[in-house]
């Protein structure tokens, strides 16, 4: 949780936003998006 890794004091949240979906099969897909860490 400290500054060597997640640095939660400065960055308390991790976010993901995805809106591009590539279907691979009936129940499989790849979602492309942006991860903020």
ModelCIF file with pLDDT and N, C-alpha, C, O atoms, coordinates in Angstrom:
data_MODEL
#
_entry.id   MODEL 
#
_entity.id                         1 
_entity.type                       polymer 
_entity.pdbx_number_of_molecules   1 
#
_entity_poly.entity_id                      1 
_entity_poly.type                           'polypeptide(L)' 
_entity_poly.nstd_linkage                   no 
_entity_poly.nstd_monomer                   no 
_entity_poly.pdbx_seq_one_letter_code       
;(UNK)(UNK)(UNK)(UNK)(UNK)(UNK)(UNK)(UNK)(UNK)(UNK)(UNK)(UNK)(UNK)(UNK)(UNK)(UNK)
(UNK)(UNK)(UNK)(UNK)(UNK)(UNK)(UNK)(UNK)(UNK)(UNK)(UNK)(UNK)(UNK)(UNK)(UNK)(UNK)
(UNK)(UNK)(UNK)(UNK)(UNK)
;
_entity_poly.pdbx_seq_one_letter_code_can   XXXXXXXXXXXXXXXXXXXXXXXXXXXXXXXXXXXXX 
_entity_poly.pdbx_strand_id                 A 
#
loop_
_entity_poly_seq.entity_id 
_entity_poly_seq.num 
_entity_poly_seq.mon_id 
_entity_poly_seq.hetero 
1 1  UNK n 
1 2  UNK n 
1 3  UNK n 
1 4  UNK n 
1 5  UNK n 
1 6  UNK n 
1 7  UNK n 
1 8  UNK n 
1 9  UNK n 
1 10 UNK n 
1 11 UNK n 
1 12 UNK n 
1 13 UNK n 
1 14 UNK n 
1 15 UNK n 
1 16 UNK n 
1 17 UNK n 
1 18 UNK n 
1 19 UNK n 
1 20 UNK n 
1 21 UNK n 
1 22 UNK n 
1 23 UNK n 
1 24 UNK n 
1 25 UNK n 
1 26 UNK n 
1 27 UNK n 
1 28 UNK n 
1 29 UNK n 
1 30 UNK n 
1 31 UNK n 
1 32 UNK n 
1 33 UNK n 
1 34 UNK n 
1 35 UNK n 
1 36 UNK n 
1 37 UNK n 
#
_struct_asym.id          A 
_struct_asym.entity_id   1 
#
loop_
_ma_qa_metric.id 
_ma_qa_metric.mode 
_ma_qa_metric.name 
_ma_qa_metric.software_group_id 
_ma_qa_metric.type 
1 global pLDDT . pLDDT 
2 local  pLDDT . pLDDT 
#
_ma_qa_metric_global.metric_id      1 
_ma_qa_metric_global.metric_value   92.00 
_ma_qa_metric_global.model_id       1 
_ma_qa_metric_global.ordinal_id     1 
#
loop_
_ma_qa_metric_local.label_asym_id 
_ma_qa_metric_local.label_comp_id 
_ma_qa_metric_local.label_seq_id 
_ma_qa_metric_local.metric_id 
_ma_qa_metric_local.metric_value 
_ma_qa_metric_local.model_id 
_ma_qa_metric_local.ordinal_id 
A UNK 1  2 89.00 1 1  
A UNK 2  2 86.00 1 2  
A UNK 3  2 86.00 1 3  
A UNK 4  2 82.00 1 4  
A UNK 5  2 81.00 1 5  
A UNK 6  2 88.00 1 6  
A UNK 7  2 90.00 1 7  
A UNK 8  2 90.00 1 8  
A UNK 9  2 95.00 1 9  
A UNK 10 2 95.00 1 10 
A UNK 11 2 94.00 1 11 
A UNK 12 2 95.00 1 12 
A UNK 13 2 95.00 1 13 
A UNK 14 2 93.00 1 14 
A UNK 15 2 95.00 1 15 
A UNK 16 2 96.00 1 16 
A UNK 17 2 96.00 1 17 
A UNK 18 2 94.00 1 18 
A UNK 19 2 89.00 1 19 
A UNK 20 2 91.00 1 20 
A UNK 21 2 93.00 1 21 
A UNK 22 2 92.00 1 22 
A UNK 23 2 91.00 1 23 
A UNK 24 2 93.00 1 24 
A UNK 25 2 91.00 1 25 
A UNK 26 2 87.00 1 26 
A UNK 27 2 92.00 1 27 
A UNK 28 2 94.00 1 28 
A UNK 29 2 93.00 1 29 
A UNK 30 2 95.00 1 30 
A UNK 31 2 95.00 1 31 
A UNK 32 2 96.00 1 32 
A UNK 33 2 95.00 1 33 
A UNK 34 2 96.00 1 34 
A UNK 35 2 94.00 1 35 
A UNK 36 2 95.00 1 36 
A UNK 37 2 92.00 1 37 
#
loop_
_atom_site.group_PDB 
_atom_site.id 
_atom_site.type_symbol 
_atom_site.label_atom_id 
_atom_site.label_alt_id 
_atom_site.label_comp_id 
_atom_site.label_asym_id 
_atom_site.label_entity_id 
_atom_site.label_seq_id 
_atom_site.pdbx_PDB_ins_code 
_atom_site.Cartn_x 
_atom_site.Cartn_y 
_atom_site.Cartn_z 
_atom_site.occupancy 
_atom_site.B_iso_or_equiv 
_atom_site.pdbx_formal_charge 
_atom_site.auth_seq_id 
_atom_site.auth_comp_id 
_atom_site.auth_asym_id 
_atom_site.auth_atom_id 
_atom_site.pdbx_PDB_model_num 
ATOM 1   N N  . UNK A 1 1  ? 0.812   -1.211  0.000   1.00 89.00 ? 1  UNK A N  1 
ATOM 2   C CA . UNK A 1 1  ? 0.000   0.000   0.000   1.00 89.00 ? 1  UNK A CA 1 
ATOM 3   C C  . UNK A 1 1  ? 0.851   1.269   0.000   1.00 89.00 ? 1  UNK A C  1 
ATOM 4   O O  . UNK A 1 1  ? 0.346   2.355   -0.284  1.00 89.00 ? 1  UNK A O  1 
ATOM 5   N N  . UNK A 1 2  ? 2.133   1.135   0.316   1.00 86.00 ? 2  UNK A N  1 
ATOM 6   C CA . UNK A 1 2  ? 3.026   2.283   0.439   1.00 86.00 ? 2  UNK A CA 1 
ATOM 7   C C  . UNK A 1 2  ? 3.549   2.776   -0.900  1.00 86.00 ? 2  UNK A C  1 
ATOM 8   O O  . UNK A 1 2  ? 3.168   2.262   -1.952  1.00 86.00 ? 2  UNK A O  1 
ATOM 9   N N  . UNK A 1 3  ? 4.435   3.787   -0.857  1.00 86.00 ? 3  UNK A N  1 
ATOM 10  C CA . UNK A 1 3  ? 4.931   4.430   -2.079  1.00 86.00 ? 3  UNK A CA 1 
ATOM 11  C C  . UNK A 1 3  ? 5.735   3.518   -3.001  1.00 86.00 ? 3  UNK A C  1 
ATOM 12  O O  . UNK A 1 3  ? 5.864   3.830   -4.185  1.00 86.00 ? 3  UNK A O  1 
ATOM 13  N N  . UNK A 1 4  ? 6.282   2.405   -2.510  1.00 82.00 ? 4  UNK A N  1 
ATOM 14  C CA . UNK A 1 4  ? 7.018   1.488   -3.380  1.00 82.00 ? 4  UNK A CA 1 
ATOM 15  C C  . UNK A 1 4  ? 6.106   0.773   -4.379  1.00 82.00 ? 4  UNK A C  1 
ATOM 16  O O  . UNK A 1 4  ? 6.553   0.363   -5.450  1.00 82.00 ? 4  UNK A O  1 
ATOM 17  N N  . UNK A 1 5  ? 4.820   0.624   -4.022  1.00 81.00 ? 5  UNK A N  1 
ATOM 18  C CA . UNK A 1 5  ? 3.899   -0.123  -4.866  1.00 81.00 ? 5  UNK A CA 1 
ATOM 19  C C  . UNK A 1 5  ? 2.670   0.711   -5.231  1.00 81.00 ? 5  UNK A C  1 
ATOM 20  O O  . UNK A 1 5  ? 2.741   1.510   -6.164  1.00 81.00 ? 5  UNK A O  1 
ATOM 21  N N  . UNK A 1 6  ? 1.548   0.551   -4.527  1.00 88.00 ? 6  UNK A N  1 
ATOM 22  C CA . UNK A 1 6  ? 0.302   1.220   -4.916  1.00 88.00 ? 6  UNK A CA 1 
ATOM 23  C C  . UNK A 1 6  ? 0.237   2.694   -4.531  1.00 88.00 ? 6  UNK A C  1 
ATOM 24  O O  . UNK A 1 6  ? -0.477  3.465   -5.171  1.00 88.00 ? 6  UNK A O  1 
ATOM 25  N N  . UNK A 1 7  ? 0.973   3.097   -3.493  1.00 90.00 ? 7  UNK A N  1 
ATOM 26  C CA . UNK A 1 7  ? 0.995   4.491   -3.044  1.00 90.00 ? 7  UNK A CA 1 
ATOM 27  C C  . UNK A 1 7  ? -0.428  5.002   -2.804  1.00 90.00 ? 7  UNK A C  1 
ATOM 28  O O  . UNK A 1 7  ? -0.859  5.987   -3.404  1.00 90.00 ? 7  UNK A O  1 
ATOM 29  N N  . UNK A 1 8  ? -1.148  4.306   -1.912  1.00 90.00 ? 8  UNK A N  1 
ATOM 30  C CA . UNK A 1 8  ? -2.570  4.602   -1.706  1.00 90.00 ? 8  UNK A CA 1 
ATOM 31  C C  . UNK A 1 8  ? -2.841  5.984   -1.124  1.00 90.00 ? 8  UNK A C  1 
ATOM 32  O O  . UNK A 1 8  ? -3.953  6.495   -1.263  1.00 90.00 ? 8  UNK A O  1 
ATOM 33  N N  . UNK A 1 9  ? -1.853  6.604   -0.475  1.00 95.00 ? 9  UNK A N  1 
ATOM 34  C CA . UNK A 1 9  ? -2.072  7.964   0.035   1.00 95.00 ? 9  UNK A CA 1 
ATOM 35  C C  . UNK A 1 9  ? -2.295  8.933   -1.114  1.00 95.00 ? 9  UNK A C  1 
ATOM 36  O O  . UNK A 1 9  ? -3.136  9.827   -1.020  1.00 95.00 ? 9  UNK A O  1 
ATOM 37  N N  . UNK A 1 10 ? -1.554  8.765   -2.189  1.00 95.00 ? 10 UNK A N  1 
ATOM 38  C CA . UNK A 1 10 ? -1.701  9.648   -3.356  1.00 95.00 ? 10 UNK A CA 1 
ATOM 39  C C  . UNK A 1 10 ? -2.690  9.109   -4.376  1.00 95.00 ? 10 UNK A C  1 
ATOM 40  O O  . UNK A 1 10 ? -3.320  9.882   -5.098  1.00 95.00 ? 10 UNK A O  1 
ATOM 41  N N  . UNK A 1 11 ? -2.835  7.775   -4.444  1.00 94.00 ? 11 UNK A N  1 
ATOM 42  C CA . UNK A 1 11 ? -3.678  7.151   -5.465  1.00 94.00 ? 11 UNK A CA 1 
ATOM 43  C C  . UNK A 1 11 ? -4.576  6.096   -4.824  1.00 94.00 ? 11 UNK A C  1 
ATOM 44  O O  . UNK A 1 11 ? -4.311  4.902   -4.965  1.00 94.00 ? 11 UNK A O  1 
ATOM 45  N N  . UNK A 1 12 ? -5.633  6.513   -4.121  1.00 95.00 ? 12 UNK A N  1 
ATOM 46  C CA . UNK A 1 12 ? -6.470  5.550   -3.385  1.00 95.00 ? 12 UNK A CA 1 
ATOM 47  C C  . UNK A 1 12 ? -7.359  4.679   -4.264  1.00 95.00 ? 12 UNK A C  1 
ATOM 48  O O  . UNK A 1 12 ? -7.930  3.699   -3.785  1.00 95.00 ? 12 UNK A O  1 
ATOM 49  N N  . UNK A 1 13 ? -7.483  5.028   -5.559  1.00 95.00 ? 13 UNK A N  1 
ATOM 50  C CA . UNK A 1 13 ? -8.361  4.249   -6.431  1.00 95.00 ? 13 UNK A CA 1 
ATOM 51  C C  . UNK A 1 13 ? -7.624  3.738   -7.664  1.00 95.00 ? 13 UNK A C  1 
ATOM 52  O O  . UNK A 1 13 ? -6.714  4.378   -8.189  1.00 95.00 ? 13 UNK A O  1 
ATOM 53  N N  . UNK A 1 14 ? -8.054  2.565   -8.099  1.00 93.00 ? 14 UNK A N  1 
ATOM 54  C CA . UNK A 1 14 ? -7.640  1.975   -9.373  1.00 93.00 ? 14 UNK A CA 1 
ATOM 55  C C  . UNK A 1 14 ? -8.904  1.934   -10.219 1.00 93.00 ? 14 UNK A C  1 
ATOM 56  O O  . UNK A 1 14 ? -9.953  1.509   -9.734  1.00 93.00 ? 14 UNK A O  1 
ATOM 57  N N  . UNK A 1 15 ? -8.826  2.369   -11.476 1.00 95.00 ? 15 UNK A N  1 
ATOM 58  C CA . UNK A 1 15 ? -10.034 2.387   -12.304 1.00 95.00 ? 15 UNK A CA 1 
ATOM 59  C C  . UNK A 1 15 ? -9.808  1.649   -13.619 1.00 95.00 ? 15 UNK A C  1 
ATOM 60  O O  . UNK A 1 15 ? -8.687  1.540   -14.116 1.00 95.00 ? 15 UNK A O  1 
ATOM 61  N N  . UNK A 1 16 ? -10.916 1.146   -14.161 1.00 96.00 ? 16 UNK A N  1 
ATOM 62  C CA . UNK A 1 16 ? -10.910 0.539   -15.492 1.00 96.00 ? 16 UNK A CA 1 
ATOM 63  C C  . UNK A 1 16 ? -12.143 1.027   -16.230 1.00 96.00 ? 16 UNK A C  1 
ATOM 64  O O  . UNK A 1 16 ? -13.248 1.018   -15.688 1.00 96.00 ? 16 UNK A O  1 
ATOM 65  N N  . UNK A 1 17 ? -11.946 1.453   -17.471 1.00 96.00 ? 17 UNK A N  1 
ATOM 66  C CA . UNK A 1 17 ? -13.048 1.852   -18.338 1.00 96.00 ? 17 UNK A CA 1 
ATOM 67  C C  . UNK A 1 17 ? -12.857 1.167   -19.686 1.00 96.00 ? 17 UNK A C  1 
ATOM 68  O O  . UNK A 1 17 ? -11.834 1.347   -20.347 1.00 96.00 ? 17 UNK A O  1 
ATOM 69  N N  . UNK A 1 18 ? -13.859 0.378   -20.087 1.00 94.00 ? 18 UNK A N  1 
ATOM 70  C CA . UNK A 1 18 ? -13.762 -0.344  -21.342 1.00 94.00 ? 18 UNK A CA 1 
ATOM 71  C C  . UNK A 1 18 ? -15.037 -0.242  -22.151 1.00 94.00 ? 18 UNK A C  1 
ATOM 72  O O  . UNK A 1 18 ? -16.137 -0.324  -21.604 1.00 94.00 ? 18 UNK A O  1 
ATOM 73  N N  . UNK A 1 19 ? -14.889 -0.061  -23.464 1.00 89.00 ? 19 UNK A N  1 
ATOM 74  C CA . UNK A 1 19 ? -16.080 0.016   -24.310 1.00 89.00 ? 19 UNK A CA 1 
ATOM 75  C C  . UNK A 1 19 ? -15.875 -0.650  -25.669 1.00 89.00 ? 19 UNK A C  1 
ATOM 76  O O  . UNK A 1 19 ? -16.789 -0.664  -26.492 1.00 89.00 ? 19 UNK A O  1 
ATOM 77  N N  . UNK A 1 20 ? -14.703 -1.193  -25.908 1.00 91.00 ? 20 UNK A N  1 
ATOM 78  C CA . UNK A 1 20 ? -14.470 -1.903  -27.158 1.00 91.00 ? 20 UNK A CA 1 
ATOM 79  C C  . UNK A 1 20 ? -14.495 -3.401  -26.863 1.00 91.00 ? 20 UNK A C  1 
ATOM 80  O O  . UNK A 1 20 ? -13.699 -3.899  -26.068 1.00 91.00 ? 20 UNK A O  1 
ATOM 81  N N  . UNK A 1 21 ? -15.410 -4.106  -27.508 1.00 93.00 ? 21 UNK A N  1 
ATOM 82  C CA . UNK A 1 21 ? -15.586 -5.532  -27.255 1.00 93.00 ? 21 UNK A CA 1 
ATOM 83  C C  . UNK A 1 21 ? -15.359 -6.298  -28.553 1.00 93.00 ? 21 UNK A C  1 
ATOM 84  O O  . UNK A 1 21 ? -15.953 -5.998  -29.588 1.00 93.00 ? 21 UNK A O  1 
ATOM 85  N N  . UNK A 1 22 ? -14.482 -7.294  -28.466 1.00 92.00 ? 22 UNK A N  1 
ATOM 86  C CA . UNK A 1 22 ? -14.225 -8.182  -29.602 1.00 92.00 ? 22 UNK A CA 1 
ATOM 87  C C  . UNK A 1 22 ? -14.706 -9.577  -29.213 1.00 92.00 ? 22 UNK A C  1 
ATOM 88  O O  . UNK A 1 22 ? -14.151 -10.194 -28.305 1.00 92.00 ? 22 UNK A O  1 
ATOM 89  N N  . UNK A 1 23 ? -15.735 -10.074 -29.896 1.00 91.00 ? 23 UNK A N  1 
ATOM 90  C CA . UNK A 1 23 ? -16.293 -11.382 -29.569 1.00 91.00 ? 23 UNK A CA 1 
ATOM 91  C C  . UNK A 1 23 ? -15.381 -12.486 -30.083 1.00 91.00 ? 23 UNK A C  1 
ATOM 92  O O  . UNK A 1 23 ? -14.890 -12.428 -31.211 1.00 91.00 ? 23 UNK A O  1 
ATOM 93  N N  . UNK A 1 24 ? -15.159 -13.495 -29.240 1.00 93.00 ? 24 UNK A N  1 
ATOM 94  C CA . UNK A 1 24 ? -14.346 -14.644 -29.620 1.00 93.00 ? 24 UNK A CA 1 
ATOM 95  C C  . UNK A 1 24 ? -15.180 -15.912 -29.742 1.00 93.00 ? 24 UNK A C  1 
ATOM 96  O O  . UNK A 1 24 ? -14.733 -16.904 -30.318 1.00 93.00 ? 24 UNK A O  1 
ATOM 97  N N  . UNK A 1 25 ? -16.380 -15.875 -29.203 1.00 91.00 ? 25 UNK A N  1 
ATOM 98  C CA . UNK A 1 25 ? -17.262 -17.037 -29.213 1.00 91.00 ? 25 UNK A CA 1 
ATOM 99  C C  . UNK A 1 25 ? -18.542 -16.686 -28.496 1.00 91.00 ? 25 UNK A C  1 
ATOM 100 O O  . UNK A 1 25 ? -18.763 -15.531 -28.130 1.00 91.00 ? 25 UNK A O  1 
ATOM 101 N N  . UNK A 1 26 ? -19.400 -17.695 -28.292 1.00 87.00 ? 26 UNK A N  1 
ATOM 102 C CA . UNK A 1 26 ? -20.704 -17.448 -27.683 1.00 87.00 ? 26 UNK A CA 1 
ATOM 103 C C  . UNK A 1 26 ? -20.582 -16.842 -26.282 1.00 87.00 ? 26 UNK A C  1 
ATOM 104 O O  . UNK A 1 26 ? -21.387 -15.990 -25.907 1.00 87.00 ? 26 UNK A O  1 
ATOM 105 N N  . UNK A 1 27 ? -19.588 -17.273 -25.512 1.00 92.00 ? 27 UNK A N  1 
ATOM 106 C CA . UNK A 1 27 ? -19.433 -16.804 -24.135 1.00 92.00 ? 27 UNK A CA 1 
ATOM 107 C C  . UNK A 1 27 ? -18.056 -16.222 -23.862 1.00 92.00 ? 27 UNK A C  1 
ATOM 108 O O  . UNK A 1 27 ? -17.668 -16.060 -22.704 1.00 92.00 ? 27 UNK A O  1 
ATOM 109 N N  . UNK A 1 28 ? -17.318 -15.907 -24.912 1.00 94.00 ? 28 UNK A N  1 
ATOM 110 C CA . UNK A 1 28 ? -15.946 -15.400 -24.751 1.00 94.00 ? 28 UNK A CA 1 
ATOM 111 C C  . UNK A 1 28 ? -15.786 -14.094 -25.510 1.00 94.00 ? 28 UNK A C  1 
ATOM 112 O O  . UNK A 1 28 ? -16.299 -13.930 -26.617 1.00 94.00 ? 28 UNK A O  1 
ATOM 113 N N  . UNK A 1 29 ? -15.057 -13.160 -24.887 1.00 93.00 ? 29 UNK A N  1 
ATOM 114 C CA . UNK A 1 29 ? -14.801 -11.874 -25.536 1.00 93.00 ? 29 UNK A CA 1 
ATOM 115 C C  . UNK A 1 29 ? -13.536 -11.260 -24.972 1.00 93.00 ? 29 UNK A C  1 
ATOM 116 O O  . UNK A 1 29 ? -13.034 -11.671 -23.925 1.00 93.00 ? 29 UNK A O  1 
ATOM 117 N N  . UNK A 1 30 ? -13.035 -10.274 -25.684 1.00 95.00 ? 30 UNK A N  1 
ATOM 118 C CA . UNK A 1 30 ? -11.949 -9.438  -25.204 1.00 95.00 ? 30 UNK A CA 1 
ATOM 119 C C  . UNK A 1 30 ? -12.513 -8.032  -25.080 1.00 95.00 ? 30 UNK A C  1 
ATOM 120 O O  . UNK A 1 30 ? -13.093 -7.501  -26.027 1.00 95.00 ? 30 UNK A O  1 
ATOM 121 N N  . UNK A 1 31 ? -12.341 -7.434  -23.914 1.00 95.00 ? 31 UNK A N  1 
ATOM 122 C CA . UNK A 1 31 ? -12.767 -6.057  -23.687 1.00 95.00 ? 31 UNK A CA 1 
ATOM 123 C C  . UNK A 1 31 ? -11.510 -5.203  -23.624 1.00 95.00 ? 31 UNK A C  1 
ATOM 124 O O  . UNK A 1 31 ? -10.638 -5.421  -22.783 1.00 95.00 ? 31 UNK A O  1 
ATOM 125 N N  . UNK A 1 32 ? -11.429 -4.240  -24.515 1.00 96.00 ? 32 UNK A N  1 
ATOM 126 C CA . UNK A 1 32 ? -10.302 -3.315  -24.523 1.00 96.00 ? 32 UNK A CA 1 
ATOM 127 C C  . UNK A 1 32 ? -10.701 -2.063  -23.749 1.00 96.00 ? 32 UNK A C  1 
ATOM 128 O O  . UNK A 1 32 ? -11.797 -1.529  -23.919 1.00 96.00 ? 32 UNK A O  1 
ATOM 129 N N  . UNK A 1 33 ? -9.792  -1.611  -22.901 1.00 95.00 ? 33 UNK A N  1 
ATOM 130 C CA . UNK A 1 33 ? -10.096 -0.434  -22.113 1.00 95.00 ? 33 UNK A CA 1 
ATOM 131 C C  . UNK A 1 33 ? -8.857  0.151   -21.496 1.00 95.00 ? 33 UNK A C  1 
ATOM 132 O O  . UNK A 1 33 ? -7.738  -0.284  -21.769 1.00 95.00 ? 33 UNK A O  1 
ATOM 133 N N  . UNK A 1 34 ? -9.068  1.140   -20.662 1.00 96.00 ? 34 UNK A N  1 
ATOM 134 C CA . UNK A 1 34 ? -7.977  1.864   -20.010 1.00 96.00 ? 34 UNK A CA 1 
ATOM 135 C C  . UNK A 1 34 ? -7.950  1.547   -18.522 1.00 96.00 ? 34 UNK A C  1 
ATOM 136 O O  . UNK A 1 34 ? -8.948  1.711   -17.821 1.00 96.00 ? 34 UNK A O  1 
ATOM 137 N N  . UNK A 1 35 ? -6.798  1.091   -18.051 1.00 94.00 ? 35 UNK A N  1 
ATOM 138 C CA . UNK A 1 35 ? -6.567  0.849   -16.637 1.00 94.00 ? 35 UNK A CA 1 
ATOM 139 C C  . UNK A 1 35 ? -5.740  2.012   -16.091 1.00 94.00 ? 35 UNK A C  1 
ATOM 140 O O  . UNK A 1 35 ? -4.707  2.368   -16.656 1.00 94.00 ? 35 UNK A O  1 
ATOM 141 N N  . UNK A 1 36 ? -6.203  2.598   -14.990 1.00 95.00 ? 36 UNK A N  1 
ATOM 142 C CA . UNK A 1 36 ? -5.455  3.668   -14.335 1.00 95.00 ? 36 UNK A CA 1 
ATOM 143 C C  . UNK A 1 36 ? -5.003  3.162   -12.975 1.00 95.00 ? 36 UNK A C  1 
ATOM 144 O O  . UNK A 1 36 ? -5.817  2.807   -12.123 1.00 95.00 ? 36 UNK A O  1 
ATOM 145 N N  . UNK A 1 37 ? -3.683  3.136   -12.790 1.00 92.00 ? 37 UNK A N  1 
ATOM 146 C CA . UNK A 1 37 ? -3.052  2.637   -11.574 1.00 92.00 ? 37 UNK A CA 1 
ATOM 147 C C  . UNK A 1 37 ? -1.918  3.591   -11.223 1.00 92.00 ? 37 UNK A C  1 
ATOM 148 O O  . UNK A 1 37 ? -1.225  3.386   -10.227 1.00 92.00 ? 37 UNK A O  1 
#
